[in-house]
C-alpha atoms as a PDB file:
ATOM      1  CA  MET A   1     -15.923   9.869   4.609  1.00  0.00           C
ATOM      2  CA  PHE A   2     -17.872   7.141   5.324  1.00  0.00           C
ATOM      3  CA  SER A   3     -21.166   7.682   6.635  1.00  0.00           C
ATOM      4  CA  VAL A   4     -22.047   4.357   8.241  1.00  0.00           C
ATOM      5  CA  ALA A   5     -21.014   1.951  11.834  1.00  0.00           C
ATOM      6  CA  THR A   6     -18.298   1.057  12.797  1.00  0.00           C
ATOM      7  CA  ASN A   7     -18.648  -2.846  13.171  1.00  0.00           C
ATOM      8  CA  LEU A   8     -19.946  -5.177  11.210  1.00  0.00           C
ATOM      9  CA  GLY A   9     -23.353  -6.478  12.450  1.00  0.00           C
ATOM     10  CA  SER A  10     -24.205 -10.096  11.782  1.00  0.00           C
ATOM     11  CA  ASP A  11     -26.196  -9.541   9.454  1.00  0.00           C
ATOM     12  CA  GLY A  12     -23.096  -7.603   7.555  1.00  0.00           C
ATOM     13  CA  VAL A  13     -21.040 -11.074   7.878  1.00  0.00           C
ATOM     14  CA  SER A  14     -22.368 -11.901   3.855  1.00  0.00           C
ATOM     15  CA  SER A  15     -20.603 -13.579   1.180  1.00  0.00           C
ATOM     16  CA  GLY A  16     -20.651 -10.119  -0.927  1.00  0.00           C
ATOM     17  CA  MET A  17     -18.613  -9.213   1.584  1.00  0.00           C
ATOM     18  CA  TRP A  18     -15.740 -12.146   1.231  1.00  0.00           C
ATOM     19  CA  VAL A  19     -16.480 -12.368  -2.600  1.00  0.00           C
ATOM     20  CA  ALA A  20     -15.082  -8.639  -2.357  1.00  0.00           C
ATOM     21  CA  VAL A  21     -12.256  -9.146  -0.222  1.00  0.00           C
ATOM     22  CA  LEU A  22     -10.899 -12.523  -3.202  1.00  0.00           C
ATOM     23  CA  ALA A  23     -11.734  -9.399  -5.416  1.00  0.00           C
ATOM     24  CA  SER A  24      -9.727  -6.605  -3.958  1.00  0.00           C
ATOM     25  CA  TYR A  25      -6.897  -9.294  -3.140  1.00  0.00           C
ATOM     26  CA  LEU A  26      -7.012 -10.856  -7.464  1.00  0.00           C
ATOM     27  CA  LEU A  27      -7.163  -7.449  -7.968  1.00  0.00           C
ATOM     28  CA  GLY A  28      -3.778  -6.385  -5.393  1.00  0.00           C
ATOM     29  CA  SER A  29      -1.910  -9.169  -7.346  1.00  0.00           C
ATOM     30  CA  VAL A  30      -2.247  -8.184 -10.206  1.00  0.00           C
ATOM     31  CA  PRO A  31       1.747  -7.135 -11.260  1.00  0.00           C
ATOM     32  CA  PHE A  32       2.036  -4.149 -12.901  1.00  0.00           C
ATOM     33  CA  GLY A  33       5.351  -2.379 -12.629  1.00  0.00           C
ATOM     34  CA  LEU A  34       6.433  -6.518 -14.049  1.00  0.00           C
ATOM     35  CA  VAL A  35       3.578  -6.063 -16.623  1.00  0.00           C
ATOM     36  CA  LEU A  36       4.862  -2.016 -17.621  1.00  0.00           C
ATOM     37  CA  GLY A  37       8.804  -3.709 -17.583  1.00  0.00           C
ATOM     38  CA  PHE A  38       7.928  -6.536 -19.872  1.00  0.00           C
ATOM     39  CA  ALA A  39       6.366  -4.384 -22.366  1.00  0.00           C
ATOM     40  CA  ARG A  40       9.922  -2.013 -22.048  1.00  0.00           C
ATOM     41  CA  GLY A  41      11.674  -5.556 -22.896  1.00  0.00           C
ATOM     42  CA  VAL A  42      12.863  -5.730 -19.662  1.00  0.00           C
ATOM     43  CA  ASP A  43      12.043  -8.696 -16.621  1.00  0.00           C
ATOM     44  CA  ILE A  44      12.755  -5.517 -13.831  1.00  0.00           C
ATOM     45  CA  ARG A  45      13.012  -8.769 -12.047  1.00  0.00           C
ATOM     46  CA  THR A  46      16.157  -9.448 -13.070  1.00  0.00           C
ATOM     47  CA  VAL A  47      17.324  -5.261 -12.273  1.00  0.00           C
ATOM     48  CA  GLY A  48      18.640  -3.980  -9.436  1.00  0.00           C
ATOM     49  CA  SER A  49      17.116  -5.015  -6.094  1.00  0.00           C
ATOM     50  CA  GLY A  50      14.655  -7.246  -8.298  1.00  0.00           C
ATOM     51  CA  ASN A  51      11.259  -5.809  -6.618  1.00  0.00           C
ATOM     52  CA  ILE A  52       8.350  -5.154  -8.663  1.00  0.00           C
ATOM     53  CA  GLY A  53       7.167  -1.935  -7.322  1.00  0.00           C
ATOM     54  CA  ALA A  54       7.727   1.694  -8.166  1.00  0.00           C
ATOM     55  CA  THR A  55      11.204   2.520  -7.315  1.00  0.00           C
ATOM     56  CA  ASN A  56      12.663  -0.708  -8.783  1.00  0.00           C
ATOM     57  CA  VAL A  57      10.413   0.285 -12.284  1.00  0.00           C
ATOM     58  CA  GLY A  58      12.314   3.812 -12.131  1.00  0.00           C
ATOM     59  CA  ARG A  59      15.598   2.256 -11.938  1.00  0.00           C
ATOM     60  CA  ALA A  60      15.387  -0.572 -14.990  1.00  0.00           C
ATOM     61  CA  LEU A  61      13.375   2.298 -17.009  1.00  0.00           C
ATOM     62  CA  GLY A  62      13.487   5.217 -15.484  1.00  0.00           C
ATOM     63  CA  ARG A  63      10.957   7.780 -13.280  1.00  0.00           C
ATOM     64  CA  PRO A  64       8.148   8.698 -15.594  1.00  0.00           C
ATOM     65  CA  TRP A  65       8.025   4.622 -15.740  1.00  0.00           C
ATOM     66  CA  ALA A  66       8.032   4.724 -11.846  1.00  0.00           C
ATOM     67  CA  LEU A  67       5.244   7.547 -11.163  1.00  0.00           C
ATOM     68  CA  VAL A  68       3.044   5.405 -14.120  1.00  0.00           C
ATOM     69  CA  ALA A  69       3.811   2.230 -12.009  1.00  0.00           C
ATOM     70  CA  PHE A  70       3.343   4.112  -8.367  1.00  0.00           C
ATOM     71  CA  LEU A  71      -0.089   5.160  -9.925  1.00  0.00           C
ATOM     72  CA  CYS A  72      -0.885   2.036 -10.896  1.00  0.00           C
ATOM     73  CA  ASP A  73      -0.319   0.118  -8.137  1.00  0.00           C
ATOM     74  CA  PHE A  74      -1.888   3.015  -6.099  1.00  0.00           C
ATOM     75  CA  ALA A  75      -5.364   2.078  -8.081  1.00  0.00           C
ATOM     76  CA  LYS A  76      -5.599  -0.813  -6.791  1.00  0.00           C
ATOM     77  CA  GLY A  77      -5.556  -0.518  -3.456  1.00  0.00           C
ATOM     78  CA  PHE A  78      -8.031   2.456  -4.162  1.00  0.00           C
ATOM     79  CA  VAL A  79     -10.064   0.828  -6.683  1.00  0.00           C
ATOM     80  CA  SER A  80     -10.833  -1.915  -3.718  1.00  0.00           C
ATOM     81  CA  SER A  81     -11.489  -0.243  -0.768  1.00  0.00           C
ATOM     82  CA  PHE A  82     -13.771   2.990  -2.559  1.00  0.00           C
ATOM     83  CA  TRP A  83     -15.579   0.896  -5.947  1.00  0.00           C
ATOM     84  CA  LEU A  84     -15.015  -2.985  -5.074  1.00  0.00           C
ATOM     85  CA  ALA A  85     -16.482  -2.821  -1.421  1.00  0.00           C
ATOM     86  CA  PRO A  86     -19.451  -1.167  -1.376  1.00  0.00           C
ATOM     87  CA  LEU A  87     -20.125  -2.773  -4.891  1.00  0.00           C
ATOM     88  CA  LEU A  88     -19.858  -6.247  -4.135  1.00  0.00           C
ATOM     89  CA  GLY A  89     -20.349  -6.218  -0.157  1.00  0.00           C
ATOM     90  CA  GLY A  90     -23.691  -6.720   0.287  1.00  0.00           C
ATOM     91  CA  ASP A  91     -25.054  -5.228   2.896  1.00  0.00           C
ATOM     92  CA  ALA A  92     -21.697  -5.242   4.407  1.00  0.00           C
ATOM     93  CA  GLY A  93     -20.791  -3.180   1.802  1.00  0.00           C
ATOM     94  CA  ALA A  94     -21.282   0.915   3.306  1.00  0.00           C
ATOM     95  CA  ASP A  95     -19.649   0.364   6.602  1.00  0.00           C
ATOM     96  CA  ALA A  96     -15.521   1.293   6.779  1.00  0.00           C
ATOM     97  CA  THR A  97     -13.950  -2.021   8.527  1.00  0.00           C
ATOM     98  CA  LEU A  98     -15.048  -3.667   4.992  1.00  0.00           C
ATOM     99  CA  ALA A  99     -13.489  -0.931   3.193  1.00  0.00           C
ATOM    100  CA  VAL A 100     -10.099  -1.446   5.608  1.00  0.00           C
ATOM    101  CA  LEU A 101     -10.189  -5.635   5.018  1.00  0.00           C
ATOM    102  CA  CYS A 102     -10.793  -4.910   1.278  1.00  0.00           C
ATOM    103  CA  GLY A 103      -7.772  -1.761   1.085  1.00  0.00           C
ATOM    104  CA  GLY A 104      -5.672  -4.600   3.526  1.00  0.00           C
ATOM    105  CA  ALA A 105      -6.682  -7.826   0.699  1.00  0.00           C
ATOM    106  CA  ALA A 106      -5.528  -5.835  -2.069  1.00  0.00           C
ATOM    107  CA  VAL A 107      -1.913  -4.859  -0.036  1.00  0.00           C
ATOM    108  CA  CYS A 108      -2.154  -8.086   0.755  1.00  0.00           C
ATOM    109  CA  GLY A 109      -2.487  -9.382  -3.037  1.00  0.00           C
ATOM    110  CA  HIS A 110       0.557  -6.509  -3.766  1.00  0.00           C
ATOM    111  CA  VAL A 111       2.613  -7.985  -0.924  1.00  0.00           C
ATOM    112  CA  TRP A 112       1.744 -11.962  -2.032  1.00  0.00           C
ATOM    113  CA  PRO A 113       1.143 -12.209  -5.664  1.00  0.00           C
ATOM    114  CA  LEU A 114      -1.508 -14.994  -6.392  1.00  0.00           C
ATOM    115  CA  TYR A 115       0.003 -14.933 -10.286  1.00  0.00           C
ATOM    116  CA  LEU A 116       4.280 -14.811  -8.943  1.00  0.00           C
ATOM    117  CA  ARG A 117       4.323 -17.492  -6.733  1.00  0.00           C
ATOM    118  CA  PHE A 118       3.232 -14.609  -3.914  1.00  0.00           C
ATOM    119  CA  ARG A 119       6.275 -12.889  -4.525  1.00  0.00           C
ATOM    120  CA  GLY A 120       5.974  -9.681  -4.679  1.00  0.00           C
ATOM    121  CA  GLY A 121       6.652  -5.788  -3.298  1.00  0.00           C
ATOM    122  CA  LYS A 122       6.285  -4.095   0.008  1.00  0.00           C
ATOM    123  CA  GLY A 123       2.808  -3.068  -0.823  1.00  0.00           C
ATOM    124  CA  VAL A 124       3.551   0.805  -0.403  1.00  0.00           C
ATOM    125  CA  ALA A 125       1.854   2.219  -2.546  1.00  0.00           C
ATOM    126  CA  THR A 126      -1.001   0.053  -2.875  1.00  0.00           C
ATOM    127  CA  ALA A 127      -1.581   1.057   0.952  1.00  0.00           C
ATOM    128  CA  CYS A 128      -2.178   4.441   0.312  1.00  0.00           C
ATOM    129  CA  GLY A 129      -4.387   3.859  -2.547  1.00  0.00           C
ATOM    130  CA  ALA A 130      -6.844   1.973   0.013  1.00  0.00           C
ATOM    131  CA  LEU A 131      -5.824   5.051   2.616  1.00  0.00           C
ATOM    132  CA  VAL A 132      -7.304   7.700   0.247  1.00  0.00           C
ATOM    133  CA  ALA A 133     -10.104   6.125  -0.134  1.00  0.00           C
ATOM    134  CA  ILE A 134     -10.836   5.264   3.813  1.00  0.00           C
ATOM    135  CA  ASP A 135      -9.415   8.680   4.704  1.00  0.00           C
ATOM    136  CA  PRO A 136      -7.147  10.889   2.374  1.00  0.00           C
ATOM    137  CA  VAL A 137      -6.606  12.942   5.659  1.00  0.00           C
ATOM    138  CA  ILE A 138      -4.655   9.956   6.605  1.00  0.00           C
ATOM    139  CA  PHE A 139      -2.783   9.570   3.214  1.00  0.00           C
ATOM    140  CA  LEU A 140      -1.670  13.053   3.551  1.00  0.00           C
ATOM    141  CA  GLY A 141      -0.006  12.899   6.911  1.00  0.00           C
ATOM    142  CA  GLY A 142       1.713  10.101   6.232  1.00  0.00           C
ATOM    143  CA  GLY A 143       2.841  11.285   2.596  1.00  0.00           C
ATOM    144  CA  ALA A 144       3.688  14.955   4.932  1.00  0.00           C
ATOM    145  CA  VAL A 145       5.943  12.483   6.579  1.00  0.00           C
ATOM    146  CA  TRP A 146       7.493  10.369   4.039  1.00  0.00           C
ATOM    147  CA  LEU A 147       8.700  14.118   2.145  1.00  0.00           C
ATOM    148  CA  VAL A 148      10.246  15.880   4.947  1.00  0.00           C
ATOM    149  CA  THR A 149      12.123  12.205   6.015  1.00  0.00           C
ATOM    150  CA  LEU A 150      12.923  11.956   2.304  1.00  0.00           C
ATOM    151  CA  ALA A 151      14.183  15.832   2.248  1.00  0.00           C
ATOM    152  CA  THR A 152      15.928  15.553   5.410  1.00  0.00           C
ATOM    153  CA  MET A 153      17.487  11.818   5.098  1.00  0.00           C
ATOM    154  CA  ARG A 154      17.718  10.995   1.182  1.00  0.00           C
ATOM    155  CA  MET A 155      16.496   6.966   1.376  1.00  0.00           C
ATOM    156  CA  VAL A 156      13.304   6.380   0.299  1.00  0.00           C
ATOM    157  CA  GLY A 157      13.382   2.990   2.402  1.00  0.00           C
ATOM    158  CA  LEU A 158      13.561   5.042   5.319  1.00  0.00           C
ATOM    159  CA  ALA A 159      10.830   7.869   4.076  1.00  0.00           C
ATOM    160  CA  SER A 160       8.560   4.724   3.662  1.00  0.00           C
ATOM    161  CA  ILE A 161       9.317   3.945   6.715  1.00  0.00           C
ATOM    162  CA  ALA A 162       8.893   6.775   8.749  1.00  0.00           C
ATOM    163  CA  MET A 163       5.478   7.125   6.461  1.00  0.00           C
ATOM    164  CA  GLY A 164       3.710   3.948   7.437  1.00  0.00           C
ATOM    165  CA  VAL A 165       4.894   4.873  11.287  1.00  0.00           C
ATOM    166  CA  ALA A 166       2.979   7.583  11.220  1.00  0.00           C
ATOM    167  CA  PHE A 167      -0.241   6.398   9.650  1.00  0.00           C
ATOM    168  CA  PRO A 168      -1.621   5.453  12.297  1.00  0.00           C
ATOM    169  CA  LEU A 169      -1.019   8.511  14.803  1.00  0.00           C
ATOM    170  CA  VAL A 170      -2.415   9.924  12.067  1.00  0.00           C
ATOM    171  CA  ALA A 171      -6.152   7.607  11.942  1.00  0.00           C
ATOM    172  CA  TRP A 172      -5.468   7.161  15.564  1.00  0.00           C
ATOM    173  CA  TRP A 173      -6.294  11.117  16.087  1.00  0.00           C
ATOM    174  CA  ARG A 174      -8.710  11.441  13.226  1.00  0.00           C
ATOM    175  CA  GLN A 175     -10.716   8.387  14.266  1.00  0.00           C
ATOM    176  CA  ALA A 176     -12.393  10.684  16.732  1.00  0.00           C
ATOM    177  CA  ASP A 177     -13.388  13.043  14.042  1.00  0.00           C
ATOM    178  CA  GLU A 178     -14.673  11.145  11.331  1.00  0.00           C
ATOM    179  CA  PRO A 179     -17.552   8.531  10.866  1.00  0.00           C
ATOM    180  CA  TYR A 180     -15.171   5.466  11.872  1.00  0.00           C
ATOM    181  CA  GLY A 181     -13.802   4.085  15.044  1.00  0.00           C
ATOM    182  CA  MET A 182     -10.778   1.927  15.492  1.00  0.00           C
ATOM    183  CA  GLU A 183     -10.786  -0.049  13.132  1.00  0.00           C
ATOM    184  CA  VAL A 184      -9.232   2.069  10.617  1.00  0.00           C
ATOM    185  CA  VAL A 185      -5.929   2.420  13.919  1.00  0.00           C
ATOM    186  CA  TRP A 186      -6.037  -0.984  13.788  1.00  0.00           C
ATOM    187  CA  GLY A 187      -6.347  -1.231  10.049  1.00  0.00           C
ATOM    188  CA  ALA A 188      -3.588   0.883   9.668  1.00  0.00           C
ATOM    189  CA  CYS A 189      -1.558  -0.282  12.687  1.00  0.00           C
ATOM    190  CA  ALA A 190      -1.406  -3.479  10.424  1.00  0.00           C
ATOM    191  CA  LEU A 191      -0.325  -1.620   7.856  1.00  0.00           C
ATOM    192  CA  ALA A 192       2.916   0.061  10.010  1.00  0.00           C
ATOM    193  CA  LEU A 193       3.618  -3.459  10.740  1.00  0.00           C
ATOM    194  CA  LEU A 194       3.871  -4.668   6.738  1.00  0.00           C
ATOM    195  CA  VAL A 195       5.635  -2.234   6.441  1.00  0.00           C
ATOM    196  CA  LEU A 196       8.218  -2.568   8.756  1.00  0.00           C
ATOM    197  CA  VAL A 197       8.852  -5.885   7.743  1.00  0.00           C
ATOM    198  CA  ARG A 198       9.414  -5.636   4.603  1.00  0.00           C
ATOM    199  CA  HIS A 199      12.567  -2.998   4.437  1.00  0.00           C
ATOM    200  CA  ARG A 200      13.841  -5.185   6.608  1.00  0.00           C
ATOM    201  CA  ALA A 201      16.847  -5.551   4.308  1.00  0.00           C
ATOM    202  CA  ASN A 202      16.418  -1.717   3.922  1.00  0.00           C
ATOM    203  CA  MET A 203      16.809  -0.898   7.992  1.00  0.00           C
ATOM    204  CA  ARG A 204      19.833  -3.601   7.761  1.00  0.00           C
ATOM    205  CA  ARG A 205      21.469  -1.397   4.950  1.00  0.00           C
ATOM    206  CA  MET A 206      20.914   1.128   6.614  1.00  0.00           C
ATOM    207  CA  LEU A 207      22.545   0.160  10.100  1.00  0.00           C
ATOM    208  CA  ALA A 208      25.874  -0.683   8.418  1.00  0.00           C
ATOM    209  CA  GLY A 209      25.737   2.176   6.326  1.00  0.00           C
ATOM    210  CA  ASP A 210      24.911   1.129   2.836  1.00  0.00           C
ATOM    211  CA  GLU A 211      21.574   1.906   2.519  1.00  0.00           C
ATOM    212  CA  PRO A 212      21.921   4.332  -0.961  1.00  0.00           C
ATOM    213  CA  LYS A 213      21.123   7.576  -1.030  1.00  0.00           C
ATOM    214  CA  ILE A 214      19.325   9.479  -3.658  1.00  0.00           C
ATOM    215  CA  GLY A 215      21.618  10.884  -5.531  1.00  0.00           C
ATOM    216  CA  ARG A 216      23.759   8.190  -5.421  1.00  0.00           C
ATOM    217  CA  PRO A 217      24.483   4.984  -6.631  1.00  0.00           C
ATOM    218  CA  LYS A 218      21.573   2.644  -5.529  1.00  0.00           C
ATOM    219  CA  GLN A 219      22.739  -1.247  -4.698  1.00  0.00           C
ATOM    220  CA  GLY A 220      18.956  -1.917  -3.765  1.00  0.00           C
ATOM    221  CA  ASP A 221      15.764  -1.169  -3.171  1.00  0.00           C
END
């Protein structure tokens, strides 16, 4: 998707690059799930898992609001990689590396939001938005894994973990034919690691046999 060089040269490391990354982090920090909850008179941090992401929004407000929350969080990653990187990045603005950094900054903002004392969500939706901006095929490959895992195992947490692990595999397969290099693969690897870390509680519940499944009463995220 990017007709660019694969590495930032010395001229590309500009103040614009850091402005783009910072702006992406601040955008990622906007807690849309929490805002939607407040608009409906609910503090979603007191419901279900207490997470500010789309899954817990769905528990608190219903599935239509979960979709709205997902799209808002998705947009944070997409706007950061697709728009903020070229707009604010200066000489580095057309480089895939900056798109990866801006997308990663947005994910970090969602996970560790400045506005909520660095206590946020899991970052999956925001990461998906960034990946669509960088290479939609990576998102589609991971999304297919998410759908298959969810259909067979009926656990949203497990589906998210499987999707996160799939992202760097698809990125590695794609990078040979796309105008970007290993920077996208390494970015996807960092994302996969973050997904695993943020789903530690889910993995513990899976091992204990307590992870909620679709269609059954849910106890956590």
